[in-house]
N, C-alpha and C. Protein backbone atom coordinates (compact mmCIF):
# COMPACT_ATOMS: atom_id res chain seq x y z
N UNK A 1 -14.04 -5.72 -2.89
CA UNK A 1 -12.87 -5.69 -3.73
C UNK A 1 -12.58 -4.31 -4.28
N UNK A 2 -13.42 -3.84 -5.19
CA UNK A 2 -13.14 -2.56 -5.82
C UNK A 2 -13.30 -1.40 -4.85
N UNK A 3 -14.27 -1.47 -3.96
CA UNK A 3 -14.44 -0.37 -3.01
C UNK A 3 -13.23 -0.26 -2.09
N UNK A 4 -12.60 -1.38 -1.77
CA UNK A 4 -11.38 -1.34 -0.98
C UNK A 4 -10.21 -0.84 -1.79
N UNK A 5 -10.11 -1.28 -3.02
CA UNK A 5 -8.99 -0.88 -3.87
C UNK A 5 -9.03 0.61 -4.19
N UNK A 6 -10.24 1.17 -4.36
CA UNK A 6 -10.37 2.59 -4.65
C UNK A 6 -10.59 3.42 -3.39
N UNK A 7 -10.64 2.78 -2.24
CA UNK A 7 -10.83 3.44 -0.94
C UNK A 7 -12.09 4.31 -0.95
N UNK A 8 -13.19 3.70 -1.39
CA UNK A 8 -14.47 4.39 -1.46
C UNK A 8 -15.06 4.49 -0.06
N UNK A 9 -15.29 5.73 0.39
CA UNK A 9 -15.86 5.94 1.72
C UNK A 9 -17.25 6.56 1.63
N UNK A 10 -17.60 7.15 0.50
CA UNK A 10 -18.93 7.72 0.31
C UNK A 10 -19.44 7.32 -1.06
N UNK A 11 -20.75 7.25 -1.17
CA UNK A 11 -21.36 6.93 -2.45
C UNK A 11 -22.19 8.11 -2.90
N UNK A 12 -22.28 8.43 -4.15
CA UNK A 12 -21.49 7.84 -5.24
C UNK A 12 -20.10 8.46 -5.31
N UNK A 13 -19.13 7.66 -5.66
CA UNK A 13 -17.76 8.12 -5.87
C UNK A 13 -17.39 7.81 -7.31
N UNK A 14 -16.94 8.83 -8.03
CA UNK A 14 -16.60 8.67 -9.45
C UNK A 14 -15.13 8.99 -9.64
N UNK A 15 -14.43 8.11 -10.36
CA UNK A 15 -13.03 8.31 -10.69
C UNK A 15 -12.87 8.41 -12.20
N UNK A 16 -11.94 9.23 -12.63
CA UNK A 16 -11.55 9.29 -14.03
C UNK A 16 -10.21 8.59 -14.14
N UNK A 17 -10.12 7.61 -15.04
CA UNK A 17 -8.88 6.85 -15.23
C UNK A 17 -8.40 7.06 -16.66
N UNK A 18 -7.11 7.40 -16.78
CA UNK A 18 -6.51 7.59 -18.10
C UNK A 18 -5.03 7.22 -18.00
N UNK A 19 -4.61 6.24 -18.78
CA UNK A 19 -3.21 5.80 -18.82
C UNK A 19 -2.68 5.42 -17.44
N UNK A 20 -3.50 4.77 -16.64
CA UNK A 20 -3.07 4.32 -15.32
C UNK A 20 -3.04 5.41 -14.26
N UNK A 21 -3.50 6.61 -14.60
CA UNK A 21 -3.55 7.72 -13.64
C UNK A 21 -5.01 7.92 -13.26
N UNK A 22 -5.28 7.98 -11.95
CA UNK A 22 -6.64 8.09 -11.45
C UNK A 22 -6.86 9.46 -10.82
N UNK A 23 -8.03 10.05 -11.15
CA UNK A 23 -8.42 11.33 -10.56
C UNK A 23 -9.85 11.20 -10.06
N UNK A 24 -10.09 11.74 -8.87
CA UNK A 24 -11.43 11.67 -8.30
C UNK A 24 -12.25 12.84 -8.81
N UNK A 25 -13.42 12.54 -9.35
CA UNK A 25 -14.34 13.56 -9.84
C UNK A 25 -15.20 14.04 -8.69
N UNK A 26 -15.19 15.35 -8.45
CA UNK A 26 -15.93 15.92 -7.32
C UNK A 26 -17.00 16.91 -7.78
N UNK A 27 -17.29 16.92 -9.06
CA UNK A 27 -18.27 17.87 -9.59
C UNK A 27 -19.70 17.37 -9.48
N UNK A 28 -20.57 18.08 -10.17
CA UNK A 28 -21.99 17.75 -10.20
C UNK A 28 -22.21 16.42 -10.90
N UNK A 29 -23.30 15.75 -10.56
CA UNK A 29 -23.58 14.43 -11.14
C UNK A 29 -24.50 14.51 -12.36
N UNK A 30 -24.65 15.69 -12.93
CA UNK A 30 -25.49 15.81 -14.12
C UNK A 30 -24.74 15.30 -15.34
N UNK A 31 -25.49 14.85 -16.33
CA UNK A 31 -24.89 14.30 -17.54
C UNK A 31 -24.03 15.35 -18.25
N UNK A 32 -24.51 16.59 -18.31
CA UNK A 32 -23.77 17.65 -18.99
C UNK A 32 -22.43 17.91 -18.31
N UNK A 33 -22.42 17.95 -16.98
CA UNK A 33 -21.18 18.21 -16.26
C UNK A 33 -20.19 17.05 -16.40
N UNK A 34 -20.70 15.82 -16.37
CA UNK A 34 -19.82 14.66 -16.55
C UNK A 34 -19.23 14.64 -17.96
N UNK A 35 -20.07 14.91 -18.96
CA UNK A 35 -19.56 14.94 -20.33
C UNK A 35 -18.55 16.06 -20.51
N UNK A 36 -18.81 17.22 -19.93
CA UNK A 36 -17.88 18.33 -20.03
C UNK A 36 -16.55 18.02 -19.36
N UNK A 37 -16.61 17.33 -18.25
CA UNK A 37 -15.39 16.95 -17.53
C UNK A 37 -14.48 16.10 -18.40
N UNK A 38 -15.09 15.18 -19.14
CA UNK A 38 -14.30 14.27 -19.98
C UNK A 38 -13.97 14.91 -21.33
N UNK A 39 -14.98 15.40 -22.03
CA UNK A 39 -14.78 15.90 -23.39
C UNK A 39 -13.96 17.19 -23.45
N UNK A 40 -14.15 18.07 -22.47
CA UNK A 40 -13.39 19.32 -22.44
C UNK A 40 -12.07 19.17 -21.69
N UNK A 41 -11.75 17.95 -21.30
CA UNK A 41 -10.49 17.60 -20.63
C UNK A 41 -10.27 18.40 -19.34
N UNK A 42 -11.34 18.65 -18.62
CA UNK A 42 -11.22 19.35 -17.33
C UNK A 42 -10.48 18.50 -16.30
N UNK A 43 -10.43 17.20 -16.54
CA UNK A 43 -9.75 16.29 -15.62
C UNK A 43 -8.25 16.58 -15.54
N UNK A 44 -7.70 17.24 -16.57
CA UNK A 44 -6.26 17.55 -16.55
C UNK A 44 -5.90 18.54 -15.45
N UNK A 45 -6.86 19.35 -15.02
CA UNK A 45 -6.61 20.34 -13.97
C UNK A 45 -6.74 19.74 -12.57
N UNK A 46 -7.22 18.50 -12.49
CA UNK A 46 -7.42 17.85 -11.19
C UNK A 46 -6.17 17.08 -10.81
N UNK A 47 -5.78 17.20 -9.56
CA UNK A 47 -4.60 16.50 -9.04
C UNK A 47 -4.85 14.99 -9.04
N UNK A 48 -3.91 14.20 -9.58
CA UNK A 48 -4.09 12.74 -9.55
C UNK A 48 -4.08 12.20 -8.12
N UNK A 49 -4.68 11.03 -7.96
CA UNK A 49 -4.69 10.35 -6.66
C UNK A 49 -3.24 10.05 -6.29
N UNK A 50 -2.90 10.22 -5.01
CA UNK A 50 -1.54 9.96 -4.54
C UNK A 50 -1.12 8.53 -4.87
N UNK A 51 0.16 8.33 -5.09
CA UNK A 51 0.67 7.03 -5.50
C UNK A 51 0.30 5.89 -4.58
N UNK A 52 0.36 6.12 -3.27
CA UNK A 52 0.04 5.05 -2.32
C UNK A 52 -1.46 4.76 -2.28
N UNK A 53 -2.31 5.73 -2.71
CA UNK A 53 -3.75 5.52 -2.74
C UNK A 53 -4.25 5.08 -4.11
N UNK A 54 -3.33 4.94 -5.06
CA UNK A 54 -3.71 4.50 -6.40
C UNK A 54 -4.23 3.06 -6.34
N UNK A 55 -5.30 2.76 -7.07
CA UNK A 55 -5.86 1.40 -7.03
C UNK A 55 -4.87 0.31 -7.44
N UNK A 56 -3.83 0.67 -8.16
CA UNK A 56 -2.85 -0.34 -8.59
C UNK A 56 -1.70 -0.49 -7.60
N UNK A 57 -1.71 0.25 -6.49
CA UNK A 57 -0.61 0.18 -5.53
C UNK A 57 -0.73 -1.05 -4.63
N UNK A 58 0.37 -1.41 -4.01
CA UNK A 58 0.40 -2.55 -3.09
C UNK A 58 -0.54 -2.29 -1.90
N UNK A 59 -0.57 -1.05 -1.41
CA UNK A 59 -1.41 -0.70 -0.26
C UNK A 59 -2.89 -0.94 -0.56
N UNK A 60 -3.35 -0.51 -1.71
CA UNK A 60 -4.76 -0.69 -2.05
C UNK A 60 -5.07 -2.14 -2.42
N UNK A 61 -4.08 -2.86 -2.91
CA UNK A 61 -4.26 -4.29 -3.14
C UNK A 61 -4.52 -4.99 -1.80
N UNK A 62 -3.79 -4.57 -0.78
CA UNK A 62 -4.00 -5.11 0.56
C UNK A 62 -5.36 -4.74 1.12
N UNK A 63 -5.81 -3.51 0.87
CA UNK A 63 -7.13 -3.09 1.33
C UNK A 63 -8.22 -3.94 0.69
N UNK A 64 -8.07 -4.22 -0.60
CA UNK A 64 -9.05 -5.08 -1.28
C UNK A 64 -9.05 -6.47 -0.65
N UNK A 65 -7.88 -6.96 -0.29
CA UNK A 65 -7.79 -8.26 0.37
C UNK A 65 -8.50 -8.26 1.72
N UNK A 66 -8.38 -7.17 2.47
CA UNK A 66 -9.07 -7.06 3.75
C UNK A 66 -10.58 -7.06 3.58
N UNK A 67 -11.07 -6.41 2.52
CA UNK A 67 -12.50 -6.41 2.24
C UNK A 67 -12.98 -7.83 1.93
N UNK A 68 -12.18 -8.58 1.15
CA UNK A 68 -12.53 -9.97 0.84
C UNK A 68 -12.51 -10.81 2.12
N UNK A 69 -11.52 -10.59 2.97
CA UNK A 69 -11.42 -11.33 4.23
C UNK A 69 -12.63 -11.08 5.12
N UNK A 70 -13.06 -9.82 5.20
CA UNK A 70 -14.22 -9.51 6.05
C UNK A 70 -15.48 -10.19 5.51
N UNK A 71 -15.64 -10.24 4.19
CA UNK A 71 -16.78 -10.94 3.60
C UNK A 71 -16.73 -12.43 3.88
N UNK A 72 -15.53 -13.01 3.82
CA UNK A 72 -15.35 -14.43 4.09
C UNK A 72 -15.67 -14.74 5.56
N UNK A 73 -15.23 -13.89 6.46
CA UNK A 73 -15.51 -14.07 7.89
C UNK A 73 -17.02 -13.98 8.15
N UNK A 74 -17.69 -13.04 7.49
CA UNK A 74 -19.14 -12.91 7.64
C UNK A 74 -19.86 -14.16 7.15
N UNK A 75 -19.39 -14.74 6.04
CA UNK A 75 -19.99 -15.97 5.53
C UNK A 75 -19.80 -17.13 6.52
N UNK A 76 -18.61 -17.23 7.08
CA UNK A 76 -18.36 -18.29 8.07
C UNK A 76 -19.25 -18.10 9.29
N UNK A 77 -19.38 -16.87 9.75
CA UNK A 77 -20.25 -16.59 10.91
C UNK A 77 -21.70 -16.98 10.59
N UNK A 78 -22.17 -16.62 9.40
CA UNK A 78 -23.54 -16.99 9.01
C UNK A 78 -23.71 -18.50 8.94
N UNK A 79 -22.70 -19.19 8.44
CA UNK A 79 -22.76 -20.65 8.37
C UNK A 79 -22.81 -21.26 9.77
N UNK A 80 -21.95 -20.76 10.66
CA UNK A 80 -21.91 -21.30 12.02
C UNK A 80 -23.22 -21.05 12.76
N UNK A 81 -23.75 -19.84 12.66
CA UNK A 81 -24.95 -19.50 13.42
C UNK A 81 -26.23 -19.95 12.72
N UNK A 82 -26.26 -19.89 11.40
CA UNK A 82 -27.48 -20.24 10.68
C UNK A 82 -27.60 -21.72 10.38
N UNK A 83 -26.65 -22.24 9.64
CA UNK A 83 -26.71 -23.64 9.20
C UNK A 83 -26.48 -24.62 10.35
N UNK A 84 -25.43 -24.37 11.12
CA UNK A 84 -25.09 -25.29 12.21
C UNK A 84 -25.85 -25.01 13.50
N UNK A 85 -26.45 -23.81 13.61
CA UNK A 85 -27.24 -23.47 14.79
C UNK A 85 -26.42 -23.15 16.03
N UNK A 86 -25.16 -22.80 15.85
CA UNK A 86 -24.31 -22.45 16.98
C UNK A 86 -24.71 -21.06 17.49
N UNK A 87 -24.70 -20.89 18.80
CA UNK A 87 -25.05 -19.59 19.39
C UNK A 87 -24.04 -18.53 18.93
N UNK A 88 -24.53 -17.30 18.80
CA UNK A 88 -23.72 -16.19 18.29
C UNK A 88 -22.46 -16.00 19.13
N UNK A 89 -22.60 -16.05 20.45
CA UNK A 89 -21.44 -15.81 21.32
C UNK A 89 -20.39 -16.90 21.19
N UNK A 90 -20.82 -18.12 20.91
CA UNK A 90 -19.85 -19.21 20.69
C UNK A 90 -19.09 -18.96 19.39
N UNK A 91 -19.81 -18.47 18.38
CA UNK A 91 -19.15 -18.12 17.12
C UNK A 91 -18.11 -17.04 17.34
N UNK A 92 -18.47 -16.01 18.12
CA UNK A 92 -17.50 -14.95 18.44
C UNK A 92 -16.29 -15.52 19.17
N UNK A 93 -16.55 -16.41 20.12
CA UNK A 93 -15.45 -17.02 20.88
C UNK A 93 -14.53 -17.82 19.96
N UNK A 94 -15.11 -18.51 18.97
CA UNK A 94 -14.29 -19.25 18.01
C UNK A 94 -13.40 -18.31 17.19
N UNK A 95 -13.96 -17.17 16.79
CA UNK A 95 -13.16 -16.20 16.03
C UNK A 95 -12.05 -15.61 16.90
N UNK A 96 -12.35 -15.35 18.16
CA UNK A 96 -11.33 -14.83 19.07
C UNK A 96 -10.22 -15.86 19.25
N UNK A 97 -10.61 -17.10 19.45
CA UNK A 97 -9.63 -18.18 19.61
C UNK A 97 -8.78 -18.33 18.34
N UNK A 98 -9.42 -18.30 17.18
CA UNK A 98 -8.68 -18.41 15.92
C UNK A 98 -7.71 -17.25 15.75
N UNK A 99 -8.14 -16.03 16.12
CA UNK A 99 -7.27 -14.86 16.03
C UNK A 99 -6.05 -15.02 16.93
N UNK A 100 -6.28 -15.47 18.16
CA UNK A 100 -5.16 -15.68 19.09
C UNK A 100 -4.20 -16.75 18.59
N UNK A 101 -4.74 -17.85 18.09
CA UNK A 101 -3.88 -18.93 17.60
C UNK A 101 -3.07 -18.50 16.37
N UNK A 102 -3.70 -17.78 15.47
CA UNK A 102 -2.97 -17.28 14.29
C UNK A 102 -1.89 -16.30 14.73
N UNK A 103 -2.22 -15.43 15.68
CA UNK A 103 -1.22 -14.49 16.20
C UNK A 103 -0.05 -15.20 16.85
N UNK A 104 -0.33 -16.22 17.63
CA UNK A 104 0.75 -16.99 18.26
C UNK A 104 1.60 -17.71 17.22
N UNK A 105 0.93 -18.28 16.23
CA UNK A 105 1.65 -19.01 15.18
C UNK A 105 2.55 -18.06 14.37
N UNK A 106 2.02 -16.90 14.01
CA UNK A 106 2.81 -15.94 13.24
C UNK A 106 3.91 -15.30 14.08
N UNK A 107 3.68 -15.21 15.38
CA UNK A 107 4.67 -14.61 16.26
C UNK A 107 5.85 -15.51 16.59
N UNK A 108 5.70 -16.80 16.37
CA UNK A 108 6.77 -17.74 16.70
C UNK A 108 7.68 -17.89 15.58
């Protein structure tokens, strides 16, 4: 959810948020540097995250949804292969079939 919404690609990733404006912190991870960044208002010199990459944008809301979808698909796969004992390749075939059927349904 949040990693998709903030488009986190590396860890640790730190953001400064103020009044709905987000800025990515790229400095040192020491306590003194983090405190200085906030208390000395060094964040004002940092360019805000682009509007389309803002966690509150429609685009990042969709990214968070895709992250949730991938987790849901992984749970279904684990249920099919673990609990029901279905072979892995049959599970893959079911996902391929479901993808094709959804595509056909949405395309009509």
